[in-house]
Protein backbone atom coordinates (compact mmCIF):
# COMPACT_ATOMS: atom_id res chain seq x y z
CA UNK A 1 -6.94 11.09 -8.19
CA UNK A 2 -5.32 9.51 -5.15
CA UNK A 3 -2.72 6.79 -5.53
CA UNK A 4 -3.63 3.56 -3.74
CA UNK A 5 -1.26 0.65 -3.25
CA UNK A 6 -0.77 -2.60 -1.39
CA UNK A 7 2.63 -2.84 0.24
CA UNK A 8 3.85 -6.38 0.90
CA UNK A 9 6.48 -6.48 3.61
CA UNK A 10 9.20 -9.01 4.44
CA UNK A 11 10.11 -8.73 8.12
CA UNK A 12 12.83 -9.94 10.43
CA UNK A 13 11.95 -13.12 12.33
CA UNK A 14 9.45 -12.51 15.10
CA UNK A 15 8.70 -8.94 14.00
CA UNK A 16 5.54 -9.02 11.83
CA UNK A 17 3.14 -7.93 14.57
CA UNK A 18 5.43 -5.10 15.69
CA UNK A 19 5.89 -3.94 12.09
CA UNK A 20 2.14 -4.04 11.41
CA UNK A 21 1.45 -2.02 14.57
CA UNK A 22 4.13 0.55 13.64
CA UNK A 23 2.77 0.84 10.10
CA UNK A 24 -0.71 1.77 11.36
CA UNK A 25 0.84 4.87 12.96
CA UNK A 26 2.40 6.10 9.69
CA UNK A 27 0.45 8.83 7.86
CA UNK A 28 -0.85 7.43 4.58
CA UNK A 29 -1.12 3.85 5.82
CA UNK A 30 -4.80 2.99 6.08
CA UNK A 31 -4.39 -0.57 7.37
CA UNK A 32 -1.70 -3.13 8.04
CA UNK A 33 -1.96 -6.77 9.05
CA UNK A 34 0.46 -9.54 9.89
CA UNK A 35 -0.38 -12.43 7.55
CA UNK A 36 0.72 -15.93 6.62
CA UNK A 37 2.19 -16.78 3.25
CA UNK A 38 4.95 -15.35 1.11
CA UNK A 39 4.96 -11.98 2.90
CA UNK A 40 4.79 -11.19 6.60
CA UNK A 41 2.71 -8.01 6.53
CA UNK A 42 0.29 -6.50 4.01
CA UNK A 43 -0.48 -2.79 4.21
CA UNK A 44 -2.88 -0.63 2.21
CA UNK A 45 -1.63 2.90 1.60
CA UNK A 46 -3.06 6.01 -0.05
CA UNK A 47 -1.16 9.12 -1.18
CA UNK A 48 -1.96 12.03 -3.48
CA UNK A 49 0.93 11.48 -5.91
CA UNK A 50 3.46 8.85 -6.96
CA UNK A 51 6.19 11.09 -5.53
CA UNK A 52 4.44 10.99 -2.14
CA UNK A 53 4.17 7.20 -2.42
CA UNK A 54 7.92 6.97 -3.05
CA UNK A 55 8.59 9.22 -0.07
CA UNK A 56 6.27 7.18 2.15
CA UNK A 57 8.09 4.00 1.19
CA UNK A 58 11.67 5.22 1.30
CA UNK A 59 11.53 7.59 4.24
CA UNK A 60 8.88 6.10 6.48
CA UNK A 61 8.26 2.41 5.80
CA UNK A 62 11.73 1.13 4.88
CA UNK A 63 13.17 2.75 8.01
CA UNK A 64 10.91 0.92 10.45
CA UNK A 65 12.70 -1.56 12.70
CA UNK A 66 12.11 -5.12 11.48
CA UNK A 67 11.38 -4.21 7.84
CA UNK A 68 13.71 -6.11 5.50
CA UNK A 69 12.19 -5.27 2.11
CA UNK A 70 8.91 -4.33 0.46
CA UNK A 71 7.08 -5.04 -2.76
CA UNK A 72 4.56 -2.41 -3.80
CA UNK A 73 1.53 -3.07 -6.00
CA UNK A 74 -0.21 0.11 -7.18
CA UNK A 75 -3.95 -0.20 -7.70
CA UNK A 76 -4.95 0.24 -11.35
CA UNK A 77 -8.19 2.23 -11.55
CA UNK A 78 -10.91 0.80 -13.75
CA UNK A 79 -11.39 2.72 -16.97
CA UNK A 80 -14.93 3.34 -18.18
CA UNK A 81 -16.31 3.30 -21.71
CA UNK A 82 -14.97 6.75 -22.44
CA UNK A 83 -11.58 6.13 -20.86
CA UNK A 84 -12.37 8.13 -17.75
CA UNK A 85 -11.42 6.55 -14.44
CA UNK A 86 -14.46 5.39 -12.57
CA UNK A 87 -17.01 5.96 -15.32
CA UNK A 88 -19.60 3.21 -15.51
CA UNK A 89 -19.37 1.14 -18.68
CA UNK A 90 -22.83 -0.29 -18.16
CA UNK A 91 -24.48 3.12 -18.15
CA UNK A 92 -26.54 3.68 -21.28
CA UNK A 93 -27.59 7.02 -22.79
């Protein structure tokens, strides 16, 4: 199962749009937007493993000009009635 996460990015002043544009060119980043609020950019990423997520963050995202720090929130898959990810609890036999 793929790992999905939202990466919340703090940027240097005046850099959110440049950081968001650069993020969209990084493999594994599906979308990135400059936003208002606590963080400057929100990106949605998808990797095959947690190790790949760590590599994406440390080697590709943290090194982008204008990125100060990130907070990563990994998506928790819904568990079905039998504990299997994605199974439908409402399904009846």
